[in-house]
Amino acid sequence: MNDAAPQGEEIGGSADTIKLTAAIVLVIAGLAGFYVLQARADWQRWGAVAAGIALAIAVFATSARGKALWQFVLDSRMELRKVVWPTRQETGMTTAVVFGFVIIVGLFFYGLDLFLSWATRLLTGQGG
């Protein structure tokens, strides 16, 4: 993966900090708009929230951290394409093995519980 910061910008620089602060202020402004527009229709109130979040995402995307996040998403998608997924038959067989093992272990612990219960009653003299 590419660990370097985008060209011309450093993560944590003053321009990047201003962009991140602006994104946070836009989200807060959208939320504040929801409460300021109390007398308006619900769609207008939620529109203010959506606009604030959309603008915040746009500003964040132009920051170095936003570009680094986008590069991480692209690299993750590329790695996801390299994964060899099991076939339908392999998935079915694995599921059957897991269910079979769960049944066997469940029966083992049921038998162990019965044995320990019988042994406890025998040693303590309780029960009928």
Protein backbone atom coordinates (compact mmCIF):
# COMPACT_ATOMS: atom_id res chain seq x y z
CA MET A 1 0.00 0.00 0.00
CA ASN A 2 1.01 3.59 -0.41
CA ASP A 3 1.95 5.06 2.99
CA ALA A 4 3.16 8.41 1.68
CA ALA A 5 1.10 11.57 2.07
CA PRO A 6 -0.34 13.06 -1.12
CA GLN A 7 2.05 15.35 -3.01
CA GLY A 8 2.07 18.96 -1.84
CA GLU A 9 0.29 18.32 1.45
CA GLU A 10 1.43 16.85 4.72
CA ILE A 11 -0.92 15.15 7.13
CA GLY A 12 -1.27 17.36 10.18
CA GLY A 13 -0.14 20.53 8.36
CA SER A 14 -1.86 23.86 8.94
CA ALA A 15 -3.93 23.69 5.72
CA ASP A 16 -5.02 20.16 6.59
CA THR A 17 -5.98 21.21 10.12
CA ILE A 18 -8.04 24.10 8.76
CA LYS A 19 -9.88 21.77 6.37
CA LEU A 20 -10.62 19.25 9.13
CA THR A 21 -11.84 22.03 11.42
CA ALA A 22 -14.05 23.38 8.64
CA ALA A 23 -15.52 19.90 8.09
CA ILE A 24 -16.35 19.58 11.79
CA VAL A 25 -17.89 23.07 11.80
CA LEU A 26 -20.04 22.15 8.78
CA VAL A 27 -21.38 19.04 10.52
CA ILE A 28 -22.17 21.09 13.63
CA ALA A 29 -23.81 23.78 11.46
CA GLY A 30 -26.00 21.15 9.81
CA LEU A 31 -27.08 19.82 13.20
CA ALA A 32 -27.68 23.34 14.48
CA GLY A 33 -29.77 24.04 11.38
CA PHE A 34 -31.99 21.11 12.32
CA TYR A 35 -32.90 22.82 15.59
CA VAL A 36 -32.99 26.39 14.21
CA LEU A 37 -35.51 25.32 11.56
CA GLN A 38 -37.94 23.90 14.12
CA ALA A 39 -40.91 25.73 12.60
CA ARG A 40 -40.16 24.39 9.10
CA ALA A 41 -41.16 21.11 7.51
CA ASP A 42 -39.23 17.98 8.48
CA TRP A 43 -37.75 17.58 5.01
CA GLN A 44 -36.19 21.04 5.28
CA ARG A 45 -34.75 20.29 8.71
CA TRP A 46 -33.26 16.99 7.58
CA GLY A 47 -32.09 18.70 4.39
CA ALA A 48 -30.00 21.05 6.51
CA VAL A 49 -28.41 18.07 8.27
CA ALA A 50 -27.77 16.29 4.96
CA ALA A 51 -26.30 19.44 3.40
CA GLY A 52 -23.99 19.97 6.37
CA ILE A 53 -22.76 16.37 6.24
CA ALA A 54 -22.37 16.42 2.44
CA LEU A 55 -20.36 19.64 2.54
CA ALA A 56 -18.25 18.28 5.41
CA ILE A 57 -17.48 15.14 3.40
CA ALA A 58 -16.52 17.28 0.39
CA VAL A 59 -14.17 19.41 2.49
CA PHE A 60 -12.72 16.35 4.24
CA ALA A 61 -12.10 14.69 0.87
CA THR A 62 -9.86 17.59 -0.17
CA SER A 63 -7.69 17.26 2.95
CA ALA A 64 -4.58 15.09 3.11
CA ARG A 65 -6.31 12.72 5.52
CA GLY A 66 -9.29 12.46 3.18
CA LYS A 67 -7.04 11.67 0.23
CA ALA A 68 -5.17 9.11 2.31
CA LEU A 69 -8.50 7.52 3.33
CA TRP A 70 -9.60 7.37 -0.31
CA GLN A 71 -6.28 5.75 -1.29
CA PHE A 72 -6.77 3.20 1.51
CA VAL A 73 -10.26 2.38 0.14
CA LEU A 74 -8.85 1.91 -3.37
CA ASP A 75 -6.01 -0.28 -2.08
CA SER A 76 -8.48 -2.34 -0.03
CA ARG A 77 -10.64 -2.94 -3.09
CA MET A 78 -7.56 -4.08 -5.01
CA GLU A 79 -6.64 -6.51 -2.21
CA LEU A 80 -10.25 -7.76 -2.07
CA ARG A 81 -10.01 -8.75 -5.73
CA LYS A 82 -7.04 -10.99 -4.87
CA VAL A 83 -9.02 -13.07 -2.36
CA VAL A 84 -9.85 -16.59 -3.51
CA TRP A 85 -13.41 -17.20 -2.40
CA PRO A 86 -14.64 -20.77 -1.74
CA THR A 87 -17.02 -22.40 -4.18
CA ARG A 88 -20.63 -23.11 -3.26
CA GLN A 89 -19.79 -26.81 -2.77
CA GLU A 90 -16.84 -26.03 -0.47
CA THR A 91 -19.00 -23.68 1.59
CA GLY A 92 -21.73 -26.32 1.90
CA MET A 93 -19.27 -29.01 2.96
CA THR A 94 -17.61 -26.75 5.53
CA THR A 95 -21.01 -25.81 6.95
CA ALA A 96 -22.00 -29.48 7.19
CA VAL A 97 -18.75 -30.33 9.01
CA VAL A 98 -19.30 -27.48 11.49
CA PHE A 99 -22.89 -28.55 12.19
CA GLY A 100 -21.80 -32.18 12.60
CA PHE A 101 -19.04 -31.20 15.02
CA VAL A 102 -21.45 -29.03 17.03
CA ILE A 103 -23.88 -31.96 17.33
CA ILE A 104 -21.12 -34.38 18.41
CA VAL A 105 -19.71 -31.97 20.99
CA GLY A 106 -23.22 -31.16 22.24
CA LEU A 107 -23.95 -34.86 22.75
CA PHE A 108 -20.59 -35.32 24.51
CA PHE A 109 -21.28 -32.51 26.97
CA TYR A 110 -24.87 -33.74 27.49
CA GLY A 111 -23.51 -37.18 28.41
CA LEU A 112 -20.81 -35.65 30.62
CA ASP A 113 -23.47 -33.58 32.40
CA LEU A 114 -25.62 -36.67 32.99
CA PHE A 115 -22.62 -38.61 34.34
CA LEU A 116 -21.51 -35.80 36.68
CA SER A 117 -25.07 -35.30 37.88
CA TRP A 118 -25.38 -39.03 38.65
CA ALA A 119 -21.98 -39.07 40.39
CA THR A 120 -22.88 -36.02 42.51
CA ARG A 121 -26.17 -37.59 43.61
CA LEU A 122 -24.38 -40.84 44.44
CA LEU A 123 -21.67 -39.11 46.51
CA THR A 124 -23.97 -36.71 48.36
CA GLY A 125 -26.86 -39.11 48.90
CA GLN A 126 -29.38 -36.61 47.53
CA GLY A 127 -32.03 -37.41 44.99
CA GLY A 128 -34.40 -40.28 44.63
